[in-house]
Amino acid sequence: MKKLENYLEKALDDADLTPARLPGLDLYMDQILTLFDEGLAANKRRPDDKLLTKTMVNNYSKERLILPVKGKKYSRAQLMQLLCILNLKQNLSLADIRVLMQNVSEPADFEAAYSESLRLKEKLREQLPALLLGWIGADGDFSSASHSLAVVLALSSGSNYLRRVCEGIVDGQAETKK
């Protein structure tokens, strides 16, 4: 039987593509897909999952969530935008992501924002286990279907609270554009 510590360890053992790991040269679509697939492999739930596909990139481009593509190569700036989108799409709608990505009054510095997010994420990664272990208990027994359901429901509510905070920030950004 797995304990909460095991689930936390697996959940927090994800991968990040840091700006330093991105090439300075423009990349073709297949190169981007390989870079993201290999660099973010630890973020997959199952080994055959795809985090990014050609269709997704083309849709983000059509939706103007990334800078226009020049020729068939994607710039470092577009890679940074794709990394931001991949993180945001787990919790926000494409409409919300568009608000964040297309702030006309003050365009985002995607590399700076992404780098800062990695710093903040590391702090969260350090503090979250103690919070959850204290709240749920380190010896949580997940062999009971009822207890497992209760914990997952509560964690899902916590996830919803955080998503609503994100949506509030997006709504605040949308208001400043008007």
C-alpha atoms as a PDB file:
ATOM      1  CA  MET A   1       0.000   0.000   0.000  1.00  0.00           C
ATOM      2  CA  LYS A   2       1.361   3.384  -1.001  1.00  0.00           C
ATOM      3  CA  LYS A   3       1.493   6.212   1.484  1.00  0.00           C
ATOM      4  CA  LEU A   4       0.882   9.884   0.817  1.00  0.00           C
ATOM      5  CA  GLU A   5       4.640  10.498   0.866  1.00  0.00           C
ATOM      6  CA  ASN A   6       5.030   8.181  -2.137  1.00  0.00           C
ATOM      7  CA  TYR A   7       2.339  10.000  -4.106  1.00  0.00           C
ATOM      8  CA  LEU A   8       3.847  13.375  -3.217  1.00  0.00           C
ATOM      9  CA  GLU A   9       7.335  12.272  -4.194  1.00  0.00           C
ATOM     10  CA  LYS A  10       6.125  11.087  -7.603  1.00  0.00           C
ATOM     11  CA  ALA A  11       3.975  14.181  -8.175  1.00  0.00           C
ATOM     12  CA  LEU A  12       6.761  16.606  -7.275  1.00  0.00           C
ATOM     13  CA  ASP A  13       9.421  14.766  -9.285  1.00  0.00           C
ATOM     14  CA  ASP A  14       8.554  16.513 -12.509  1.00  0.00           C
ATOM     15  CA  ALA A  15      10.781  18.036 -15.151  1.00  0.00           C
ATOM     16  CA  ASP A  16      11.253  21.587 -16.300  1.00  0.00           C
ATOM     17  CA  LEU A  17      12.863  22.856 -19.453  1.00  0.00           C
ATOM     18  CA  THR A  18      14.839  25.832 -18.218  1.00  0.00           C
ATOM     19  CA  PRO A  19      15.601  28.697 -20.595  1.00  0.00           C
ATOM     20  CA  ALA A  20      19.273  27.674 -20.417  1.00  0.00           C
ATOM     21  CA  ARG A  21      18.351  24.308 -21.966  1.00  0.00           C
ATOM     22  CA  LEU A  22      16.672  25.905 -24.979  1.00  0.00           C
ATOM     23  CA  PRO A  23      18.828  26.339 -28.061  1.00  0.00           C
ATOM     24  CA  GLY A  24      19.578  29.800 -29.393  1.00  0.00           C
ATOM     25  CA  LEU A  25      18.855  28.634 -32.927  1.00  0.00           C
ATOM     26  CA  ASP A  26      15.443  28.416 -34.544  1.00  0.00           C
ATOM     27  CA  LEU A  27      13.967  24.919 -34.628  1.00  0.00           C
ATOM     28  CA  TYR A  28      11.755  22.940 -36.989  1.00  0.00           C
ATOM     29  CA  MET A  29       8.526  21.425 -35.666  1.00  0.00           C
ATOM     30  CA  ASP A  30       9.986  17.909 -35.275  1.00  0.00           C
ATOM     31  CA  GLN A  31      12.918  19.315 -33.300  1.00  0.00           C
ATOM     32  CA  ILE A  32      10.538  21.140 -30.956  1.00  0.00           C
ATOM     33  CA  LEU A  33       8.439  18.044 -30.396  1.00  0.00           C
ATOM     34  CA  THR A  34      11.553  15.981 -29.620  1.00  0.00           C
ATOM     35  CA  LEU A  35      12.963  18.655 -27.283  1.00  0.00           C
ATOM     36  CA  PHE A  36       9.709  18.911 -25.319  1.00  0.00           C
ATOM     37  CA  ASP A  37       9.047  15.163 -25.326  1.00  0.00           C
ATOM     38  CA  GLU A  38      12.501  14.327 -23.988  1.00  0.00           C
ATOM     39  CA  GLY A  39      12.940  17.366 -21.741  1.00  0.00           C
ATOM     40  CA  LEU A  40       9.539  17.020 -20.089  1.00  0.00           C
ATOM     41  CA  ALA A  41       9.278  13.210 -20.086  1.00  0.00           C
ATOM     42  CA  ALA A  42       8.980  13.076 -16.287  1.00  0.00           C
ATOM     43  CA  ASN A  43       5.740  15.085 -16.529  1.00  0.00           C
ATOM     44  CA  LYS A  44       3.911  12.341 -18.405  1.00  0.00           C
ATOM     45  CA  ARG A  45       1.389  10.261 -16.535  1.00  0.00           C
ATOM     46  CA  ARG A  46       2.006   7.363 -18.920  1.00  0.00           C
ATOM     47  CA  PRO A  47       5.100   6.827 -21.077  1.00  0.00           C
ATOM     48  CA  ASP A  48       3.145   7.008 -24.346  1.00  0.00           C
ATOM     49  CA  ASP A  49       1.402  10.309 -23.488  1.00  0.00           C
ATOM     50  CA  LYS A  50       2.135  13.275 -25.747  1.00  0.00           C
ATOM     51  CA  LEU A  51       2.644  16.612 -24.013  1.00  0.00           C
ATOM     52  CA  LEU A  52       2.851  18.548 -27.257  1.00  0.00           C
ATOM     53  CA  THR A  53       1.782  17.634 -30.773  1.00  0.00           C
ATOM     54  CA  LYS A  54       2.087  19.264 -34.171  1.00  0.00           C
ATOM     55  CA  THR A  55      -1.671  19.898 -34.136  1.00  0.00           C
ATOM     56  CA  MET A  56      -1.442  21.660 -30.783  1.00  0.00           C
ATOM     57  CA  VAL A  57       1.371  23.933 -31.971  1.00  0.00           C
ATOM     58  CA  ASN A  58      -0.532  24.728 -35.174  1.00  0.00           C
ATOM     59  CA  ASN A  59      -3.679  25.514 -33.176  1.00  0.00           C
ATOM     60  CA  TYR A  60      -1.777  27.801 -30.800  1.00  0.00           C
ATOM     61  CA  SER A  61      -0.353  29.564 -33.836  1.00  0.00           C
ATOM     62  CA  LYS A  62      -3.783  29.914 -35.492  1.00  0.00           C
ATOM     63  CA  GLU A  63      -5.220  31.205 -32.210  1.00  0.00           C
ATOM     64  CA  ARG A  64      -2.369  33.749 -32.100  1.00  0.00           C
ATOM     65  CA  LEU A  65      -1.189  32.486 -28.724  1.00  0.00           C
ATOM     66  CA  ILE A  66       2.354  32.413 -30.069  1.00  0.00           C
ATOM     67  CA  LEU A  67       4.169  34.843 -32.301  1.00  0.00           C
ATOM     68  CA  PRO A  68       3.639  34.288 -36.041  1.00  0.00           C
ATOM     69  CA  VAL A  69       5.849  31.591 -37.542  1.00  0.00           C
ATOM     70  CA  LYS A  70       8.381  32.758 -40.101  1.00  0.00           C
ATOM     71  CA  GLY A  71       8.915  30.018 -42.633  1.00  0.00           C
ATOM     72  CA  LYS A  72       8.961  26.618 -41.009  1.00  0.00           C
ATOM     73  CA  LYS A  73      11.181  27.433 -38.043  1.00  0.00           C
ATOM     74  CA  TYR A  74      10.221  28.486 -34.541  1.00  0.00           C
ATOM     75  CA  SER A  75      12.231  31.008 -32.551  1.00  0.00           C
ATOM     76  CA  ARG A  76      13.386  30.825 -28.954  1.00  0.00           C
ATOM     77  CA  ALA A  77      10.662  33.354 -28.073  1.00  0.00           C
ATOM     78  CA  GLN A  78       8.035  31.015 -29.513  1.00  0.00           C
ATOM     79  CA  LEU A  79       9.506  28.107 -27.534  1.00  0.00           C
ATOM     80  CA  MET A  80       9.161  30.176 -24.360  1.00  0.00           C
ATOM     81  CA  GLN A  81       5.552  30.913 -25.261  1.00  0.00           C
ATOM     82  CA  LEU A  82       4.897  27.206 -25.846  1.00  0.00           C
ATOM     83  CA  LEU A  83       6.371  26.355 -22.432  1.00  0.00           C
ATOM     84  CA  CYS A  84       4.098  28.922 -20.805  1.00  0.00           C
ATOM     85  CA  ILE A  85       1.057  27.571 -22.671  1.00  0.00           C
ATOM     86  CA  LEU A  86       1.860  23.977 -21.691  1.00  0.00           C
ATOM     87  CA  ASN A  87       1.926  24.985 -18.038  1.00  0.00           C
ATOM     88  CA  LEU A  88      -1.185  27.131 -18.187  1.00  0.00           C
ATOM     89  CA  LYS A  89      -3.398  24.809 -20.228  1.00  0.00           C
ATOM     90  CA  GLN A  90      -3.541  22.321 -17.355  1.00  0.00           C
ATOM     91  CA  ASN A  91      -5.811  24.718 -15.449  1.00  0.00           C
ATOM     92  CA  LEU A  92      -6.957  27.548 -17.694  1.00  0.00           C
ATOM     93  CA  SER A  93      -9.020  27.833 -20.844  1.00  0.00           C
ATOM     94  CA  LEU A  94      -7.402  28.997 -24.077  1.00  0.00           C
ATOM     95  CA  ALA A  95      -9.428  32.210 -23.752  1.00  0.00           C
ATOM     96  CA  ASP A  96      -7.837  32.863 -20.349  1.00  0.00           C
ATOM     97  CA  ILE A  97      -4.393  32.019 -21.699  1.00  0.00           C
ATOM     98  CA  ARG A  98      -4.957  34.465 -24.561  1.00  0.00           C
ATOM     99  CA  VAL A  99      -5.632  37.261 -22.046  1.00  0.00           C
ATOM    100  CA  LEU A 100      -2.299  36.565 -20.342  1.00  0.00           C
ATOM    101  CA  MET A 101      -0.343  36.079 -23.551  1.00  0.00           C
ATOM    102  CA  GLN A 102      -1.677  39.069 -25.466  1.00  0.00           C
ATOM    103  CA  ASN A 103      -1.543  41.913 -22.991  1.00  0.00           C
ATOM    104  CA  VAL A 104      -1.314  44.831 -25.409  1.00  0.00           C
ATOM    105  CA  SER A 105      -0.622  47.522 -22.820  1.00  0.00           C
ATOM    106  CA  GLU A 106       2.420  45.722 -21.435  1.00  0.00           C
ATOM    107  CA  PRO A 107       3.577  42.674 -23.404  1.00  0.00           C
ATOM    108  CA  ALA A 108       4.956  39.904 -21.220  1.00  0.00           C
ATOM    109  CA  ASP A 109       8.612  38.976 -21.195  1.00  0.00           C
ATOM    110  CA  PHE A 110       7.925  35.250 -21.488  1.00  0.00           C
ATOM    111  CA  GLU A 111      11.445  34.156 -20.623  1.00  0.00           C
ATOM    112  CA  ALA A 112      11.557  36.318 -17.493  1.00  0.00           C
ATOM    113  CA  ALA A 113       8.055  35.240 -16.461  1.00  0.00           C
ATOM    114  CA  TYR A 114       8.827  31.567 -17.040  1.00  0.00           C
ATOM    115  CA  SER A 115      12.113  31.801 -15.125  1.00  0.00           C
ATOM    116  CA  GLU A 116      10.359  33.496 -12.207  1.00  0.00           C
ATOM    117  CA  SER A 117       7.647  30.824 -12.293  1.00  0.00           C
ATOM    118  CA  LEU A 118      10.318  28.121 -11.958  1.00  0.00           C
ATOM    119  CA  ARG A 119      11.716  29.898  -8.891  1.00  0.00           C
ATOM    120  CA  LEU A 120       8.266  30.151  -7.308  1.00  0.00           C
ATOM    121  CA  LYS A 121       7.495  26.559  -8.260  1.00  0.00           C
ATOM    122  CA  GLU A 122      10.608  25.386  -6.427  1.00  0.00           C
ATOM    123  CA  LYS A 123       9.412  27.155  -3.261  1.00  0.00           C
ATOM    124  CA  LEU A 124       6.034  25.469  -3.630  1.00  0.00           C
ATOM    125  CA  ARG A 125       7.737  22.117  -4.198  1.00  0.00           C
ATOM    126  CA  GLU A 126       9.609  22.593  -0.901  1.00  0.00           C
ATOM    127  CA  GLN A 127       6.604  23.693   1.172  1.00  0.00           C
ATOM    128  CA  LEU A 128       3.743  21.604  -0.226  1.00  0.00           C
ATOM    129  CA  PRO A 129       4.736  18.212   1.247  1.00  0.00           C
ATOM    130  CA  ALA A 130       4.762  19.495   4.833  1.00  0.00           C
ATOM    131  CA  LEU A 131       1.412  21.215   4.301  1.00  0.00           C
ATOM    132  CA  LEU A 132      -0.286  18.134   2.852  1.00  0.00           C
ATOM    133  CA  LEU A 133       1.349  15.651   5.228  1.00  0.00           C
ATOM    134  CA  GLY A 134       0.234  17.782   8.168  1.00  0.00           C
ATOM    135  CA  TRP A 135      -3.258  18.127   6.775  1.00  0.00           C
ATOM    136  CA  ILE A 136      -3.899  14.545   5.612  1.00  0.00           C
ATOM    137  CA  GLY A 137      -1.374  12.693   7.754  1.00  0.00           C
ATOM    138  CA  ALA A 138       1.738  10.861   6.673  1.00  0.00           C
ATOM    139  CA  ASP A 139       0.286   7.452   7.427  1.00  0.00           C
ATOM    140  CA  GLY A 140      -2.870   7.974   5.390  1.00  0.00           C
ATOM    141  CA  ASP A 141      -4.413   4.618   4.560  1.00  0.00           C
ATOM    142  CA  PHE A 142      -5.429   4.640   0.921  1.00  0.00           C
ATOM    143  CA  SER A 143      -6.612   1.009   0.968  1.00  0.00           C
ATOM    144  CA  SER A 144     -10.079   2.250   1.924  1.00  0.00           C
ATOM    145  CA  ALA A 145     -12.065   3.337  -1.109  1.00  0.00           C
ATOM    146  CA  SER A 146     -14.072   5.830   0.967  1.00  0.00           C
ATOM    147  CA  HIS A 147     -10.985   7.487   2.470  1.00  0.00           C
ATOM    148  CA  SER A 148      -9.255   7.618  -0.916  1.00  0.00           C
ATOM    149  CA  LEU A 149     -12.336   9.221  -2.456  1.00  0.00           C
ATOM    150  CA  ALA A 150     -12.592  11.723   0.411  1.00  0.00           C
ATOM    151  CA  VAL A 151      -8.940  12.776   0.078  1.00  0.00           C
ATOM    152  CA  VAL A 152      -9.143  13.049  -3.719  1.00  0.00           C
ATOM    153  CA  LEU A 153     -12.350  15.110  -3.434  1.00  0.00           C
ATOM    154  CA  ALA A 154     -10.710  17.448  -0.923  1.00  0.00           C
ATOM    155  CA  LEU A 155      -7.551  17.779  -3.029  1.00  0.00           C
ATOM    156  CA  SER A 156      -9.709  18.420  -6.084  1.00  0.00           C
ATOM    157  CA  SER A 157     -11.445  21.217  -4.183  1.00  0.00           C
ATOM    158  CA  GLY A 158      -8.027  22.663  -3.334  1.00  0.00           C
ATOM    159  CA  SER A 159      -7.107  22.503  -7.003  1.00  0.00           C
ATOM    160  CA  ASN A 160     -10.358  24.316  -7.840  1.00  0.00           C
ATOM    161  CA  TYR A 161      -9.565  27.052  -5.308  1.00  0.00           C
ATOM    162  CA  LEU A 162      -6.171  27.591  -6.906  1.00  0.00           C
ATOM    163  CA  ARG A 163      -7.693  27.595 -10.413  1.00  0.00           C
ATOM    164  CA  ARG A 164     -10.163  30.255  -9.267  1.00  0.00           C
ATOM    165  CA  VAL A 165      -7.290  32.368  -7.949  1.00  0.00           C
ATOM    166  CA  CYS A 166      -5.656  32.035 -11.385  1.00  0.00           C
ATOM    167  CA  GLU A 167      -8.912  33.006 -13.088  1.00  0.00           C
ATOM    168  CA  GLY A 168      -9.226  36.038 -10.793  1.00  0.00           C
ATOM    169  CA  ILE A 169      -5.747  37.190 -11.813  1.00  0.00           C
ATOM    170  CA  VAL A 170      -6.650  36.676 -15.483  1.00  0.00           C
ATOM    171  CA  ASP A 171      -9.883  38.631 -15.015  1.00  0.00           C
ATOM    172  CA  GLY A 172      -7.864  41.431 -13.411  1.00  0.00           C
ATOM    173  CA  GLN A 173      -5.576  41.469 -16.449  1.00  0.00           C
ATOM    174  CA  ALA A 174      -8.588  41.566 -18.768  1.00  0.00           C
ATOM    175  CA  GLU A 175      -9.974  44.558 -16.845  1.00  0.00           C
ATOM    176  CA  THR A 176      -6.725  46.513 -17.217  1.00  0.00           C
ATOM    177  CA  LYS A 177      -6.888  46.051 -21.012  1.00  0.00           C
ATOM    178  CA  LYS A 178     -10.256  47.803 -21.277  1.00  0.00           C
END
